[in-house]
Amino acid sequence: MTTASRMSADTAARTIRRTVVRAGLRTYEAAYDRHARLAEHEHESPFFTYVLRGDYVEYDGGSPRECRRGAVIFHPPHEVHSNAVGTLGTASLNVEIAADQWRELTADVVRNRDLVGRVLSGDVEWAALVVWR
């Protein structure tokens, strides 16, 4: 399958429900069909994904990440990954942060390596839910 046809198949399985853009932030709610497969891809900006329903497995060349309802996943800029959606489909809130803003916000607080590759759960879900609402 060519890159163009693979990208078309990926986007055909996705529905963007709403998008909000503010200075340095882009948020969008996306739903994916059950059993959808997203080929390897990357995002220019760092972003968080909050899984609203369903589940999927994400592959970034290392161990697969199980991403289930309630999980929050951080992706650094240009992280190459693919996704395999579960039997119920999935919906997520995605928050992209301009790279310069991310550096400014986290320069002396968070190291990327503390977040990259982690599926966060627990109290972080409450913050993600507030952003979604």
Protein backbone atom coordinates (compact mmCIF):
# COMPACT_ATOMS: atom_id res chain seq x y z
CA MET A 1 0.00 0.00 0.00
CA THR A 2 1.40 3.43 -0.91
CA THR A 3 1.84 6.21 1.64
CA ALA A 4 -1.01 8.19 0.04
CA SER A 5 -3.48 5.28 0.11
CA ARG A 6 -2.40 4.34 3.65
CA MET A 7 -3.02 7.94 4.82
CA SER A 8 -6.41 7.91 3.11
CA ALA A 9 -7.33 4.62 4.83
CA ASP A 10 -6.21 6.04 8.19
CA THR A 11 -8.29 9.20 7.87
CA ALA A 12 -11.32 7.26 6.56
CA ALA A 13 -11.42 5.40 9.91
CA ARG A 14 -11.31 8.69 11.86
CA THR A 15 -13.99 11.26 12.63
CA ILE A 16 -13.03 14.63 14.12
CA ARG A 17 -15.93 15.72 16.31
CA ARG A 18 -14.82 19.17 17.41
CA THR A 19 -11.72 21.33 17.32
CA VAL A 20 -10.77 24.29 19.50
CA VAL A 21 -7.72 26.43 18.72
CA ARG A 22 -6.27 28.96 21.16
CA ALA A 23 -2.89 30.68 21.23
CA GLY A 24 -0.35 27.85 21.18
CA LEU A 25 -2.93 25.08 21.74
CA ARG A 26 -4.99 22.93 19.41
CA THR A 27 -7.47 20.47 20.89
CA TYR A 28 -9.64 18.05 19.01
CA GLU A 29 -11.88 15.14 19.83
CA ALA A 30 -11.39 12.19 17.50
CA ALA A 31 -13.25 8.89 17.14
CA TYR A 32 -11.81 5.84 15.39
CA ASP A 33 -13.67 2.86 13.96
CA ARG A 34 -13.26 -0.50 15.63
CA HIS A 35 -10.26 -2.49 14.42
CA ALA A 36 -8.86 0.60 12.64
CA ARG A 37 -5.13 0.59 12.00
CA LEU A 38 -3.12 3.80 11.80
CA ALA A 39 0.16 3.43 9.97
CA GLU A 40 3.36 4.85 11.39
CA HIS A 41 3.09 8.61 11.68
CA GLU A 42 4.37 11.50 13.76
CA HIS A 43 3.14 14.83 15.05
CA GLU A 44 5.12 18.05 14.80
CA SER A 45 4.11 19.31 18.25
CA PRO A 46 4.15 17.63 21.64
CA PHE A 47 0.68 16.44 22.62
CA PHE A 48 -1.40 14.62 25.18
CA THR A 49 -4.10 12.08 24.39
CA TYR A 50 -6.91 11.42 26.88
CA VAL A 51 -8.78 8.20 26.04
CA LEU A 52 -12.50 8.96 26.41
CA ARG A 53 -13.83 5.51 25.49
CA GLY A 54 -12.67 2.21 24.08
CA ASP A 55 -9.04 1.23 23.80
CA TYR A 56 -6.12 0.88 21.44
CA VAL A 57 -2.54 -0.33 21.42
CA GLU A 58 0.19 2.07 20.42
CA TYR A 59 3.53 0.97 19.00
CA ASP A 60 6.55 3.27 19.04
CA GLY A 61 9.27 0.78 18.22
CA GLY A 62 9.58 -0.30 21.85
CA SER A 63 7.09 -2.14 23.99
CA PRO A 64 3.44 -1.75 23.00
CA ARG A 65 1.45 0.70 25.13
CA GLU A 66 -2.05 -0.37 26.19
CA CYS A 67 -4.20 2.76 26.07
CA ARG A 68 -7.59 2.27 27.74
CA ARG A 69 -10.44 4.56 28.77
CA GLY A 70 -9.21 7.08 31.31
CA ALA A 71 -5.54 6.91 30.34
CA VAL A 72 -3.50 9.99 29.44
CA ILE A 73 -0.55 9.51 27.10
CA PHE A 74 2.18 12.08 26.37
CA HIS A 75 3.85 12.16 22.95
CA PRO A 76 7.00 14.21 22.37
CA PRO A 77 7.35 16.01 19.03
CA HIS A 78 8.25 13.77 16.08
CA GLU A 79 7.73 10.51 17.97
CA VAL A 80 7.03 7.90 15.28
CA HIS A 81 4.21 5.58 16.32
CA SER A 82 1.33 3.48 14.97
CA ASN A 83 -2.01 2.51 16.50
CA ALA A 84 -4.28 -0.54 16.48
CA VAL A 85 -7.82 0.19 17.69
CA GLY A 86 -9.70 -2.40 19.76
CA THR A 87 -13.01 -4.14 19.12
CA LEU A 88 -15.20 -1.28 20.39
CA GLY A 89 -13.47 1.56 18.57
CA THR A 90 -12.09 4.47 20.53
CA ALA A 91 -12.53 8.18 21.11
CA SER A 92 -9.93 10.56 22.48
CA LEU A 93 -9.26 14.17 23.31
CA ASN A 94 -5.96 15.31 21.86
CA VAL A 95 -4.21 18.47 23.05
CA GLU A 96 -1.32 19.70 20.89
CA ILE A 97 0.98 22.30 22.42
CA ALA A 98 3.24 24.56 20.38
CA ALA A 99 6.83 23.39 20.91
CA ASP A 100 8.06 26.79 22.12
CA GLN A 101 5.23 27.02 24.65
CA TRP A 102 5.93 23.48 25.88
CA ARG A 103 9.59 24.36 26.47
CA GLU A 104 8.62 27.55 28.28
CA LEU A 105 6.04 25.80 30.48
CA THR A 106 8.21 22.84 31.42
CA ALA A 107 11.83 24.03 31.22
CA ASP A 108 12.45 23.90 34.96
CA VAL A 109 9.63 21.56 36.02
CA VAL A 110 9.37 18.43 33.87
CA ARG A 111 11.91 16.37 31.98
CA ASN A 112 10.48 14.82 28.78
CA ARG A 113 12.01 11.46 29.69
CA ASP A 114 9.82 11.42 32.82
CA LEU A 115 6.69 11.44 30.62
CA VAL A 116 7.60 9.87 27.29
CA GLY A 117 6.30 6.34 26.82
CA ARG A 118 4.15 6.38 29.95
CA VAL A 119 0.45 5.72 30.09
CA LEU A 120 -0.69 7.89 32.97
CA SER A 121 -3.78 7.11 35.04
CA GLY A 122 -5.29 7.95 38.39
CA ASP A 123 -5.60 11.59 39.44
CA VAL A 124 -4.37 12.89 36.07
CA GLU A 125 -7.70 11.73 34.61
CA TRP A 126 -9.55 14.43 36.59
CA ALA A 127 -7.44 17.19 35.01
CA ALA A 128 -7.96 15.68 31.55
CA LEU A 129 -11.72 15.48 32.13
CA VAL A 130 -11.85 19.17 33.07
CA VAL A 131 -10.00 20.10 29.85
CA TRP A 132 -12.38 17.96 27.80
CA ARG A 133 -15.49 19.55 29.31
